[in-house]
Amino acid sequence: MKKISLPICLFLLITSCNTNKKQTSKITVTKKPNIILIMCDDMGFSDLGSYGGEIKTPNIDLLAAQGVRFSQFKNTGRCCPSRAALLTGRNQFAAEMGWMTVVDEHREAYRGQLSAAIPTIAEILKENNYYTYMSGKWHLTLDGSYKKGAEKPNGSWPFQRGFDESYAGLSGGGNYGKVSGLIKNETVITDFSDDYYYTDAITENALNFIEGHNTEKPMFLYLAHYAPHRPLQAPKNRIDSNRERYKVGYDVLKKQRYDNLKEKGLITSSQELPVHNQEYNNKRPSWNSLPENKKEKWITEMSTYAAMIEVMDDGIGEVIKATKEKGIYDNTIFLFLSDNGATKEGGEISQLAADLSNTPYRNYKTSTYMGGTSSPLIIHFPKKYAKYQGEIRNNLTHIIDILPTCLDLAGVDYPESFNQKNIAQFEGASLVSVLENKDLKKRDQFFQHQQSCAIISDHWKLVRGKLSDPWELIDLEKDPFEQHNIAVNYPDKVIELEQKWNDWATENNVFPLEEREWTDRIKHYKKLNPDQDGID
C-alpha cells in the first residue's frame, strides 16, 4: 500500500473548539453496489472547486463532474446532530441526539448519543449481507464513555452500531496529532507517532479496509473526515503553497466564488452578491479597511484551512484509486457532503473566513440560517447514471434523505427483523427520483439547534437566531440569501408556519427549549444527573 503520510512538521494556527489478508486471486465484483459515504467537517458551501471555490480539490471535483451535484441540500447545522440524522435517516431528536455528546440531559431527545432503538445504516446494510467499515470522526457517544482510565463501550461505539471494522475518533474535536478517544474496533489508542496526522490516518485505515475487503460481499464504507474542523493544522509546506492565492483578500474571492456558482448553475438567482452586514452590527469590514496584521492573519488562516481540505482531497483520490485497483470502482457509489457550514469560532478573522466559505449564504455553523445548514452533496454512480453526469439538481433535499437513498440505490429493503421490533422506519426520502431528473414530493423541512429555529415550507422560510428574537419570514423565491425579513407584511403566514414548527417540535420532544449557554447548560444537567458514562 502506498503510504501517504505528509511531512512531520505540523503548523498549529488556532485552537478552539473482517480485515482479510490482501487477496491475490481474481477479483469477483458483487452484484449489489458498494457504497462509500464521505462526510467532511465544518466545510462551507462554496469551498470545493466544483462548488465555485478556489481550493484545489481535483478528486472530489472529478466525482462531481462524473456525478450529480445538489444545490439545495440541507443539514442540521451542527456536527453530531447531522451525524445522527445521516446514519439513521431520522431527525436528530428522534435519534435522541438533539444537542451534543458532552452531557446526557436525561430528556428523551437529548441523551447525548444515538438511540439504541433506531438502527443505523450500517446495521441495516449488515443485515443485508454487506461488510461495513468506518474510518474517521464518530462523535455519537457520550464523552464520559471514553475518559482516560474509564474507557468502556456503552452501546454507542461504532462496533456496537453495525460496523464490522472501525477506526474512529469518538470525540468531537481536538489536536490532529493526538486524537482523544481514538479506537480501533474495541481497542483504545493512546500512543501517537511524531508524524501522526489525523487526516492521513483516516485515509490510510480506509485504504486498508478496501484492500482487505472480501468481494464475495458488497462493502459499505463510512469515511468521516475530521478536516477542516478546528484547530486549523496542516503541513507547513502545504500552507505556504496557498498563501499567494489569498493575498487578494476576501472581497475579490467572494465575488469570484459567486460568479462561479452562477456560471455552474448552482445559483439560479439574478441577484447581486449579498453582503450580510447584519452579522457585523450592520457593517462588515471591507478587505481594504483591515490593518496589515489582520490581513496577514486572515491569509494564514485561509491558507491553512485550504491546505486541510486539499490533504483530505488527496486522500479521497487514494481511496478512488484503491477501488480501481480492487476492481470494484465501476460498481461503487460515492457520496460526498459536509456536516454543516463553516464556523466563526475563533473571532473576527475566523468570521471573515467563514463568510467566504459560506458564500453566498448568511451566518455560520450552529445556526439555522442557510450558512449553517447548506452543504454540497455529490452522488457519483456512472454505471447507472452516466447520462446525467455533470448535471445539477435544485430540489430541496435534506441529510435525512441519505440513508433511504443508499438503500434504494443498493436495492435493499428495511429489514423485517427491525420491523418486528416495532421500530419506526426512517423519515427521509430516497433521492433516486431526483437523480433521474424527476420530481420529489414537496415536504416541509424543520430545523432547531440550541436557540436557533427554522422551517422551510414551499418557498417560505420562518427563522430566528435566538429564542428572544422575533421570527423572520423569508420568501426564498425572491430572497434566497435571507436578506429581507417580510414578517410584518404576512402575519398570517408567520402564525401558520410557527404552528407547524411547534407541532413538529412537540411531536419530536424538542420542548422545552434550552436557553442556557454551553457551560451553564452542561453544569446544570450534570448536577441533575451525575452519572454521565452512558444511557440509563
Protein backbone atom coordinates (compact mmCIF):
# COMPACT_ATOMS: atom_id res chain seq x y z
CA MET A 1 0.00 0.00 0.00
CA LYS A 2 1.26 3.43 -0.84
CA LYS A 3 1.86 5.40 2.33
CA ILE A 4 0.54 8.95 2.02
CA SER A 5 1.73 10.44 5.31
CA LEU A 6 2.75 14.04 4.87
CA PRO A 7 5.75 15.83 6.35
CA ILE A 8 6.36 15.72 10.07
CA CYS A 9 6.05 19.45 10.52
CA LEU A 10 2.59 20.43 11.66
CA PHE A 11 1.61 24.05 11.84
CA LEU A 12 -0.81 24.97 14.64
CA LEU A 13 -2.72 28.11 13.78
CA ILE A 14 -5.71 28.32 16.05
CA THR A 15 -7.05 26.18 18.87
CA SER A 16 -10.74 26.40 19.65
CA CYS A 17 -13.03 24.31 19.93
CA ASN A 18 -13.08 -8.61 8.83
CA THR A 19 -9.89 -7.27 7.57
CA ASN A 20 -8.67 -10.25 5.49
CA LYS A 21 -5.20 -10.62 4.02
CA LYS A 22 -4.80 -8.91 0.67
CA GLN A 23 -6.25 -11.16 -1.96
CA THR A 24 -4.14 -12.42 -4.83
CA SER A 25 -6.91 -14.35 -6.56
CA LYS A 26 -9.05 -12.98 -9.37
CA ILE A 27 -11.42 -10.24 -8.21
CA THR A 28 -15.12 -11.03 -8.35
CA VAL A 29 -17.35 -7.97 -8.32
CA THR A 30 -20.53 -8.39 -6.29
CA LYS A 31 -23.90 -7.69 -7.85
CA LYS A 32 -25.06 -5.19 -5.23
CA PRO A 33 -23.16 -1.91 -5.39
CA ASN A 34 -20.53 -0.91 -2.91
CA ILE A 35 -21.18 2.37 -1.11
CA ILE A 36 -18.57 4.87 0.07
CA LEU A 37 -20.19 7.66 2.07
CA ILE A 38 -17.79 10.56 2.64
CA MET A 39 -18.53 13.35 5.11
CA CYS A 40 -16.21 16.24 5.93
CA ASP A 41 -16.48 18.53 8.94
CA ASP A 42 -17.25 22.28 9.10
CA MET A 43 -16.68 22.94 5.39
CA GLY A 44 -18.61 25.75 3.73
CA PHE A 45 -20.96 25.53 0.76
CA SER A 46 -18.60 27.12 -1.79
CA ASP A 47 -15.18 25.77 -0.75
CA LEU A 48 -14.87 22.97 -3.31
CA GLY A 49 -13.68 23.78 -6.81
CA SER A 50 -16.82 22.10 -8.15
CA TYR A 51 -18.91 24.46 -5.99
CA GLY A 52 -17.17 27.65 -7.08
CA GLY A 53 -14.20 27.75 -4.72
CA GLU A 54 -10.53 28.39 -5.34
CA ILE A 55 -9.43 25.48 -3.12
CA LYS A 56 -7.75 22.72 -5.16
CA THR A 57 -9.99 19.63 -4.89
CA PRO A 58 -9.47 17.74 -8.16
CA ASN A 59 -10.54 14.35 -6.84
CA ILE A 60 -13.83 15.48 -5.33
CA ASP A 61 -14.37 17.64 -8.41
CA LEU A 62 -13.95 14.55 -10.59
CA LEU A 63 -16.74 12.83 -8.64
CA ALA A 64 -18.84 15.95 -9.24
CA ALA A 65 -18.05 16.12 -12.96
CA GLN A 66 -18.97 12.47 -13.44
CA GLY A 67 -21.84 12.53 -10.96
CA VAL A 68 -24.75 14.73 -9.92
CA ARG A 69 -24.46 17.85 -7.73
CA PHE A 70 -27.20 19.18 -5.48
CA SER A 71 -27.60 22.92 -4.94
CA GLN A 72 -30.24 22.91 -2.18
CA PHE A 73 -29.07 20.17 0.18
CA LYS A 74 -29.53 20.94 3.88
CA ASN A 75 -28.12 19.58 7.15
CA THR A 76 -28.86 20.21 10.83
CA GLY A 77 -26.30 22.99 11.33
CA ARG A 78 -24.08 21.09 13.80
CA CYS A 79 -21.75 18.11 13.81
CA CYS A 80 -23.20 15.31 15.96
CA PRO A 81 -26.88 16.08 15.20
CA SER A 82 -26.03 15.87 11.49
CA ARG A 83 -24.22 12.57 12.02
CA ALA A 84 -27.20 11.14 13.87
CA ALA A 85 -29.54 12.20 11.07
CA LEU A 86 -27.15 10.88 8.40
CA LEU A 87 -26.80 7.42 9.93
CA THR A 88 -30.43 6.89 10.95
CA GLY A 89 -32.47 8.71 8.30
CA ARG A 90 -34.37 10.32 11.17
CA ASN A 91 -34.22 13.84 12.57
CA GLN A 92 -31.68 14.22 15.35
CA PHE A 93 -34.31 14.49 18.09
CA ALA A 94 -35.95 11.21 17.12
CA ALA A 95 -32.44 9.70 17.27
CA GLU A 96 -32.04 11.21 20.81
CA MET A 97 -29.11 13.34 19.61
CA GLY A 98 -30.85 16.72 19.90
CA TRP A 99 -27.82 18.57 21.21
CA MET A 100 -24.25 17.45 21.88
CA THR A 101 -22.37 14.47 23.33
CA VAL A 102 -20.98 16.45 26.27
CA VAL A 103 -23.92 15.66 28.55
CA ASP A 104 -26.85 13.29 28.95
CA GLU A 105 -29.72 15.59 29.88
CA HIS A 106 -31.97 12.61 30.67
CA ARG A 107 -34.59 14.12 28.38
CA GLU A 108 -35.89 11.85 25.63
CA ALA A 109 -34.48 13.80 22.69
CA TYR A 110 -31.29 14.91 24.47
CA ARG A 111 -29.48 11.77 25.65
CA GLY A 112 -26.10 12.75 24.17
CA GLN A 113 -25.71 9.73 21.91
CA LEU A 114 -27.51 7.61 19.34
CA SER A 115 -30.76 5.98 20.36
CA ALA A 116 -30.38 2.25 20.88
CA ALA A 117 -33.86 1.74 19.40
CA ILE A 118 -33.17 3.15 15.93
CA PRO A 119 -30.93 1.18 13.56
CA THR A 120 -28.04 2.83 11.74
CA ILE A 121 -27.36 2.48 8.03
CA ALA A 122 -24.50 0.12 8.95
CA GLU A 123 -26.85 -2.14 10.94
CA ILE A 124 -29.36 -2.19 8.10
CA LEU A 125 -26.77 -2.94 5.40
CA LYS A 126 -25.03 -5.54 7.58
CA GLU A 127 -28.38 -7.29 7.92
CA ASN A 128 -28.46 -7.29 4.11
CA ASN A 129 -25.13 -9.09 3.72
CA TYR A 130 -22.82 -6.06 3.47
CA TYR A 131 -19.41 -5.80 5.10
CA THR A 132 -19.41 -2.47 6.94
CA TYR A 133 -16.41 -0.25 7.67
CA MET A 134 -15.95 3.13 9.31
CA SER A 135 -12.89 5.39 9.35
CA GLY A 136 -12.92 8.87 10.88
CA LYS A 137 -14.83 11.04 13.30
CA TRP A 138 -17.70 9.31 15.15
CA HIS A 139 -18.92 11.87 17.72
CA LEU A 140 -22.06 9.92 18.59
CA THR A 141 -21.32 8.57 22.05
CA LEU A 142 -21.30 10.30 25.41
CA ASP A 143 -17.93 11.83 26.20
CA GLY A 144 -17.91 10.03 29.56
CA SER A 145 -17.61 6.65 27.88
CA TYR A 146 -14.02 7.19 26.78
CA LYS A 147 -12.44 9.27 29.52
CA LYS A 148 -8.91 8.14 30.32
CA GLY A 149 -8.93 5.31 32.81
CA ALA A 150 -12.66 4.70 32.43
CA GLU A 151 -12.93 3.64 28.79
CA LYS A 152 -15.84 1.31 28.29
CA PRO A 153 -18.18 0.67 25.37
CA ASN A 154 -21.62 1.94 26.29
CA GLY A 155 -23.74 0.72 23.41
CA SER A 156 -22.91 3.59 21.06
CA TRP A 157 -19.39 2.83 19.84
CA PRO A 158 -19.15 2.07 16.10
CA PHE A 159 -18.59 -1.67 16.52
CA GLN A 160 -21.80 -1.77 18.59
CA ARG A 161 -23.78 0.09 15.92
CA GLY A 162 -23.24 -2.17 12.95
CA PHE A 163 -19.64 -1.64 11.81
CA ASP A 164 -17.58 -4.81 11.28
CA GLU A 165 -14.36 -2.80 11.33
CA SER A 166 -13.79 0.74 12.59
CA TYR A 167 -11.02 3.25 13.13
CA ALA A 168 -12.88 6.01 14.90
CA GLY A 169 -12.35 9.18 16.88
CA LEU A 170 -15.14 9.20 19.44
CA SER A 171 -14.61 12.85 20.35
CA GLY A 172 -15.90 15.89 18.53
CA GLY A 173 -12.71 17.91 18.48
CA GLY A 174 -9.03 18.03 19.36
CA ASN A 175 -5.50 18.07 18.02
CA TYR A 176 -4.77 16.42 14.66
CA GLY A 177 -1.55 14.99 16.11
CA LYS A 178 -3.12 13.28 19.12
CA VAL A 179 -6.77 12.24 18.96
CA SER A 180 -8.87 11.96 22.10
CA GLY A 181 -11.00 8.82 22.32
CA LEU A 182 -9.45 7.14 19.29
CA ILE A 183 -10.39 3.48 18.94
CA LYS A 184 -9.64 0.58 16.61
CA ASN A 185 -12.75 -1.55 16.98
CA GLU A 186 -12.82 -2.06 20.78
CA THR A 187 -9.23 -1.03 21.50
CA VAL A 188 -8.44 2.49 22.70
CA ILE A 189 -5.38 4.04 21.02
CA THR A 190 -3.23 6.30 23.18
CA ASP A 191 0.20 6.26 21.50
CA PHE A 192 0.87 8.54 18.54
CA SER A 193 3.99 8.89 16.43
CA ASP A 194 5.65 12.26 15.94
CA ASP A 195 4.45 12.42 12.33
CA TYR A 196 0.87 11.31 13.04
CA TYR A 197 -1.71 13.41 11.19
CA TYR A 198 -5.37 12.54 11.71
CA THR A 199 -6.45 13.18 8.13
CA ASP A 200 -3.78 10.84 6.74
CA ALA A 201 -4.56 8.17 9.34
CA ILE A 202 -8.26 8.26 8.41
CA THR A 203 -7.33 7.76 4.75
CA GLU A 204 -4.79 5.00 5.47
CA ASN A 205 -7.27 2.98 7.50
CA ALA A 206 -9.90 3.38 4.79
CA LEU A 207 -7.37 2.09 2.26
CA ASN A 208 -6.64 -0.91 4.48
CA PHE A 209 -10.33 -1.73 4.65
CA ILE A 210 -10.68 -1.55 0.86
CA GLU A 211 -7.55 -3.58 0.16
CA GLY A 212 -8.53 -6.27 2.66
CA HIS A 213 -12.18 -6.41 1.66
CA ASN A 214 -13.56 -9.79 0.61
CA THR A 215 -15.54 -9.07 -2.54
CA GLU A 216 -17.83 -12.03 -2.00
CA LYS A 217 -19.95 -9.43 -0.24
CA PRO A 218 -20.58 -5.77 -1.09
CA MET A 219 -18.90 -3.09 1.00
CA PHE A 220 -20.22 -0.07 2.87
CA LEU A 221 -17.53 2.38 3.95
CA TYR A 222 -18.36 5.43 6.04
CA LEU A 223 -15.39 7.77 5.54
CA ALA A 224 -15.91 10.56 8.07
CA HIS A 225 -13.14 13.12 7.72
CA TYR A 226 -12.36 15.48 10.61
CA ALA A 227 -10.98 18.17 8.28
CA PRO A 228 -11.34 21.11 8.13
CA HIS A 229 -12.64 21.27 11.74
CA ARG A 230 -10.63 23.40 14.15
CA PRO A 231 -7.89 23.57 15.34
CA LEU A 232 -6.51 24.60 11.98
CA GLN A 233 -3.47 22.38 11.45
CA ALA A 234 -1.71 21.32 8.27
CA PRO A 235 1.82 20.62 6.98
CA LYS A 236 3.69 23.89 6.69
CA ASN A 237 4.71 23.39 3.06
CA ARG A 238 1.06 22.90 2.09
CA ILE A 239 0.07 26.09 3.92
CA ASP A 240 2.86 28.10 2.31
CA SER A 241 1.88 26.91 -1.17
CA ASN A 242 -1.56 28.51 -0.70
CA ARG A 243 -0.58 31.90 0.65
CA GLU A 244 -0.29 33.74 -2.67
CA ARG A 245 -3.83 32.70 -3.58
CA TYR A 246 -5.33 34.52 -0.59
CA LYS A 247 -3.41 37.81 -0.76
CA VAL A 248 -6.14 39.36 -2.91
CA GLY A 249 -8.48 39.23 0.10
CA TYR A 250 -11.98 38.02 0.76
CA ASP A 251 -13.89 40.68 -1.22
CA VAL A 252 -12.31 39.61 -4.52
CA LEU A 253 -12.53 35.90 -3.74
CA LYS A 254 -16.12 36.10 -2.60
CA LYS A 255 -17.10 37.77 -5.88
CA GLN A 256 -15.18 35.14 -7.84
CA ARG A 257 -16.95 32.34 -5.98
CA TYR A 258 -20.35 33.90 -6.53
CA ASP A 259 -19.74 34.30 -10.25
CA ASN A 260 -18.50 30.69 -10.45
CA LEU A 261 -21.58 29.40 -8.63
CA LYS A 262 -23.83 31.21 -11.09
CA GLU A 263 -21.83 30.01 -14.09
CA LYS A 264 -22.03 26.40 -12.88
CA GLY A 265 -25.79 26.64 -12.34
CA LEU A 266 -25.56 26.16 -8.59
CA ILE A 267 -27.22 29.54 -8.10
CA THR A 268 -30.14 30.48 -10.30
CA SER A 269 -30.81 33.87 -8.70
CA SER A 270 -30.33 37.02 -10.74
CA GLN A 271 -29.45 38.92 -7.57
CA GLU A 272 -26.12 40.58 -6.95
CA LEU A 273 -23.66 39.13 -4.46
CA PRO A 274 -25.17 39.58 -0.97
CA VAL A 275 -23.17 41.24 1.79
CA HIS A 276 -24.56 40.04 5.11
CA ASN A 277 -23.91 43.15 7.15
CA GLN A 278 -26.45 42.07 9.79
CA GLU A 279 -23.85 39.62 11.13
CA TYR A 280 -21.49 42.53 11.88
CA ASN A 281 -23.75 45.03 13.60
CA ASN A 282 -24.74 46.25 10.14
CA LYS A 283 -21.22 46.90 8.82
CA ARG A 284 -18.96 44.11 7.57
CA PRO A 285 -15.42 45.48 7.16
CA SER A 286 -14.05 45.57 3.62
CA TRP A 287 -10.72 43.89 2.90
CA ASN A 288 -9.02 47.21 2.19
CA SER A 289 -10.14 48.59 5.56
CA LEU A 290 -8.27 45.90 7.52
CA PRO A 291 -4.87 46.73 9.02
CA GLU A 292 -1.94 44.73 7.64
CA ASN A 293 -1.61 42.49 10.71
CA LYS A 294 -5.24 41.39 10.39
CA LYS A 295 -4.87 40.81 6.66
CA GLU A 296 -1.85 38.62 7.37
CA LYS A 297 -3.78 36.65 9.99
CA TRP A 298 -6.67 36.07 7.59
CA ILE A 299 -4.29 34.95 4.80
CA THR A 300 -2.66 32.46 7.14
CA GLU A 301 -6.00 31.16 8.38
CA MET A 302 -7.42 30.62 4.90
CA SER A 303 -4.16 29.12 3.63
CA THR A 304 -4.23 26.58 6.45
CA TYR A 305 -7.92 25.85 6.06
CA ALA A 306 -7.47 25.29 2.32
CA ALA A 307 -4.46 23.04 2.93
CA MET A 308 -6.52 20.85 5.26
CA ILE A 309 -9.20 20.35 2.60
CA GLU A 310 -6.58 19.70 -0.07
CA VAL A 311 -4.89 17.00 2.04
CA MET A 312 -8.31 15.41 2.54
CA ASP A 313 -8.91 15.55 -1.21
CA ASP A 314 -5.56 13.83 -1.81
CA GLY A 315 -6.75 11.02 0.43
CA ILE A 316 -10.07 10.73 -1.38
CA GLY A 317 -8.07 10.38 -4.58
CA GLU A 318 -6.18 7.47 -2.99
CA VAL A 319 -9.48 5.86 -2.00
CA ILE A 320 -10.80 6.17 -5.56
CA LYS A 321 -7.56 4.66 -6.87
CA ALA A 322 -7.82 1.78 -4.38
CA THR A 323 -11.30 0.86 -5.59
CA LYS A 324 -10.00 0.76 -9.16
CA GLU A 325 -7.08 -1.45 -8.18
CA LYS A 326 -9.51 -3.70 -6.31
CA GLY A 327 -11.70 -3.98 -9.37
CA ILE A 328 -14.79 -2.53 -7.68
CA TYR A 329 -14.79 1.10 -8.84
CA ASP A 330 -17.42 0.70 -11.55
CA ASN A 331 -19.81 -0.86 -9.05
CA THR A 332 -19.20 1.66 -6.26
CA ILE A 333 -21.45 4.57 -5.33
CA PHE A 334 -19.63 7.60 -3.90
CA LEU A 335 -21.48 10.25 -1.90
CA PHE A 336 -19.82 13.40 -0.57
CA LEU A 337 -21.22 16.04 1.82
CA SER A 338 -20.37 18.28 4.80
CA ASP A 339 -21.99 18.06 8.24
CA ASN A 340 -22.66 21.82 8.45
CA GLY A 341 -21.43 25.16 7.21
CA ALA A 342 -18.15 26.86 8.10
CA THR A 343 -17.71 28.17 11.63
CA LYS A 344 -16.93 31.61 13.01
CA GLU A 345 -15.38 30.06 16.13
CA GLY A 346 -12.11 31.87 16.67
CA GLY A 347 -13.13 35.53 16.48
CA GLU A 348 -13.31 38.29 13.89
CA ILE A 349 -10.84 36.86 11.40
CA SER A 350 -12.42 33.44 11.57
CA GLN A 351 -15.82 35.00 10.92
CA LEU A 352 -14.47 36.77 7.85
CA ALA A 353 -13.03 33.45 6.68
CA ALA A 354 -16.36 31.69 7.24
CA ASP A 355 -18.14 34.41 5.25
CA LEU A 356 -16.03 33.40 2.27
CA SER A 357 -16.56 29.67 2.81
CA ASN A 358 -20.33 30.00 3.14
CA THR A 359 -20.75 32.23 0.06
CA PRO A 360 -23.47 33.25 -0.76
CA TYR A 361 -25.32 32.29 2.40
CA ARG A 362 -25.92 34.03 5.71
CA ASN A 363 -24.50 33.03 9.09
CA TYR A 364 -22.48 30.02 10.22
CA LYS A 365 -22.27 26.63 11.90
CA THR A 366 -24.79 26.18 14.80
CA SER A 367 -27.25 28.50 13.06
CA THR A 368 -30.40 27.51 11.16
CA TYR A 369 -29.84 30.28 8.64
CA MET A 370 -28.64 28.97 5.29
CA GLY A 371 -24.95 29.46 6.07
CA GLY A 372 -25.22 26.97 8.92
CA THR A 373 -27.36 24.36 7.15
CA SER A 374 -26.22 24.40 3.50
CA SER A 375 -23.81 21.76 2.24
CA PRO A 376 -22.54 20.41 -1.05
CA LEU A 377 -23.90 16.99 -1.95
CA ILE A 378 -22.35 14.91 -4.73
CA ILE A 379 -23.65 11.49 -5.77
CA HIS A 380 -21.42 9.56 -8.18
CA PHE A 381 -22.57 6.31 -9.83
CA PRO A 382 -21.84 6.48 -13.58
CA LYS A 383 -22.58 2.76 -14.01
CA LYS A 384 -26.26 3.58 -13.60
CA TYR A 385 -26.50 7.34 -14.16
CA ALA A 386 -23.88 8.13 -16.81
CA LYS A 387 -26.34 10.15 -18.90
CA TYR A 388 -26.84 12.59 -16.00
CA GLN A 389 -23.16 13.17 -15.22
CA GLY A 390 -22.25 16.78 -14.53
CA GLU A 391 -25.85 17.82 -14.01
CA ILE A 392 -27.21 19.98 -11.19
CA ARG A 393 -30.32 19.26 -9.12
CA ASN A 394 -32.06 22.19 -7.44
CA ASN A 395 -34.57 20.16 -5.42
CA LEU A 396 -34.76 20.93 -1.70
CA THR A 397 -33.20 17.89 -0.03
CA HIS A 398 -32.02 17.01 3.48
CA ILE A 399 -29.42 14.93 5.27
CA ILE A 400 -32.12 12.50 6.48
CA ASP A 401 -32.52 11.54 2.81
CA ILE A 402 -29.07 9.93 2.54
CA LEU A 403 -29.95 6.64 4.27
CA PRO A 404 -33.07 5.87 2.19
CA THR A 405 -31.17 6.92 -0.95
CA CYS A 406 -28.38 4.45 -0.21
CA LEU A 407 -30.85 1.65 0.46
CA ASP A 408 -32.73 2.44 -2.74
CA LEU A 409 -29.56 2.50 -4.85
CA ALA A 410 -28.47 -0.78 -3.27
CA GLY A 411 -31.85 -2.42 -3.81
CA VAL A 412 -32.08 -3.07 -0.09
CA ASP A 413 -35.30 -3.20 1.92
CA TYR A 414 -35.69 -2.13 5.51
CA PRO A 415 -35.03 -5.39 7.40
CA GLU A 416 -38.03 -7.33 8.63
CA SER A 417 -36.16 -8.02 11.86
CA PHE A 418 -36.28 -4.31 12.70
CA ASN A 419 -39.94 -4.03 11.71
CA GLN A 420 -40.73 -6.84 14.12
CA LYS A 421 -39.26 -4.76 16.90
CA ASN A 422 -41.85 -2.10 16.10
CA ILE A 423 -39.13 0.40 15.29
CA ALA A 424 -40.23 3.35 13.21
CA GLN A 425 -38.55 3.47 9.82
CA PHE A 426 -36.57 6.41 8.50
CA GLU A 427 -38.42 9.65 7.72
CA GLY A 428 -36.16 10.79 4.90
CA ALA A 429 -36.96 10.28 1.22
CA SER A 430 -34.96 8.46 -1.44
CA LEU A 431 -33.33 10.84 -3.90
CA VAL A 432 -33.23 8.31 -6.73
CA SER A 433 -36.13 10.07 -8.44
CA VAL A 434 -34.16 13.32 -8.22
CA LEU A 435 -31.08 11.66 -9.70
CA GLU A 436 -33.28 10.57 -12.59
CA ASN A 437 -34.42 14.16 -13.05
CA LYS A 438 -37.92 13.50 -11.79
CA ASP A 439 -39.92 15.40 -9.20
CA LEU A 440 -39.52 14.86 -5.47
CA LYS A 441 -42.66 15.17 -3.39
CA LYS A 442 -42.56 18.51 -1.58
CA ARG A 443 -42.36 18.39 2.21
CA ASP A 444 -41.65 20.80 4.98
CA GLN A 445 -38.16 20.86 6.48
CA PHE A 446 -37.63 21.63 10.17
CA PHE A 447 -34.51 22.87 11.95
CA GLN A 448 -33.52 23.52 15.55
CA HIS A 449 -30.17 23.81 17.30
CA GLN A 450 -29.53 25.49 20.62
CA GLN A 451 -31.69 28.62 20.35
CA SER A 452 -31.88 28.79 16.56
CA CYS A 453 -35.07 27.50 14.89
CA ALA A 454 -36.46 27.37 11.35
CA ILE A 455 -38.97 25.81 9.00
CA ILE A 456 -38.90 25.76 5.19
CA SER A 457 -42.34 25.25 3.68
CA ASP A 458 -42.67 25.59 -0.09
CA HIS A 459 -40.91 28.90 -0.92
CA TRP A 460 -41.33 30.30 2.61
CA LYS A 461 -38.84 30.17 5.45
CA LEU A 462 -39.51 31.14 9.06
CA VAL A 463 -36.30 31.51 11.06
CA ARG A 464 -34.86 33.06 14.20
CA GLY A 465 -31.37 33.10 15.63
CA LYS A 466 -32.32 33.16 19.31
CA LEU A 467 -35.44 32.45 21.32
CA SER A 468 -35.57 36.11 22.31
CA ASP A 469 -35.52 37.20 18.65
CA PRO A 470 -38.73 37.71 16.69
CA TRP A 471 -39.38 35.30 13.84
CA GLU A 472 -38.12 36.41 10.43
CA LEU A 473 -40.17 35.48 7.37
CA ILE A 474 -38.23 34.99 4.15
CA ASP A 475 -39.58 34.49 0.63
CA LEU A 476 -36.90 32.16 -0.75
CA GLU A 477 -38.03 32.60 -4.35
CA LYS A 478 -37.27 36.30 -4.24
CA ASP A 479 -34.72 36.31 -1.44
CA PRO A 480 -32.74 33.01 -1.39
CA PHE A 481 -29.95 34.56 0.69
CA GLU A 482 -32.18 35.65 3.63
CA GLN A 483 -31.57 39.38 3.44
CA HIS A 484 -35.10 40.72 3.87
CA ASN A 485 -37.48 39.97 6.74
CA ILE A 486 -41.06 40.43 5.49
CA ALA A 487 -42.85 39.08 8.58
CA VAL A 488 -44.73 42.34 9.09
CA ASN A 489 -46.24 42.01 5.62
CA TYR A 490 -47.56 38.47 6.09
CA PRO A 491 -48.59 38.00 9.74
CA ASP A 492 -50.95 35.10 8.91
CA LYS A 493 -48.13 33.19 7.21
CA VAL A 494 -45.94 33.70 10.27
CA ILE A 495 -48.66 32.26 12.52
CA GLU A 496 -49.24 29.32 10.16
CA LEU A 497 -45.56 28.37 9.94
CA GLU A 498 -44.92 28.88 13.64
CA GLN A 499 -47.77 26.48 14.40
CA LYS A 500 -46.30 23.91 12.02
CA TRP A 501 -42.92 24.26 13.70
CA ASN A 502 -44.45 23.97 17.18
CA ASP A 503 -46.38 20.84 16.17
CA TRP A 504 -43.20 19.25 14.83
CA ALA A 505 -41.23 20.23 17.93
CA THR A 506 -43.91 18.78 20.20
CA GLU A 507 -44.08 15.52 18.26
CA ASN A 508 -40.29 15.11 18.40
CA ASN A 509 -39.79 16.07 22.08
CA VAL A 510 -37.83 19.20 21.21
CA PHE A 511 -39.51 21.13 24.03
CA PRO A 512 -38.67 22.61 26.42
CA LEU A 513 -36.11 24.65 24.54
CA GLU A 514 -32.92 25.29 26.49
CA GLU A 515 -31.79 28.92 26.92
CA ARG A 516 -28.66 28.20 28.99
CA GLU A 517 -25.37 28.78 27.22
CA TRP A 518 -22.82 25.98 26.71
CA THR A 519 -21.04 25.84 30.08
CA ASP A 520 -24.11 26.57 32.22
CA ARG A 521 -26.13 24.00 30.30
CA ILE A 522 -23.55 21.28 30.88
CA LYS A 523 -23.18 22.12 34.57
CA HIS A 524 -26.94 22.18 35.07
CA TYR A 525 -27.60 18.73 33.62
CA LYS A 526 -24.51 17.12 35.14
CA LYS A 527 -25.66 18.33 38.53
CA LEU A 528 -29.11 16.85 37.93
CA ASN A 529 -27.67 13.62 36.51
CA PRO A 530 -24.15 12.89 37.84
CA ASP A 531 -23.76 9.56 36.00
CA GLN A 532 -22.63 10.53 32.50
CA ASP A 533 -20.99 7.30 31.34
CA GLY A 534 -23.87 6.07 29.24
CA ILE A 535 -27.58 5.81 28.67
CA ASP A 536 -29.60 4.59 31.63
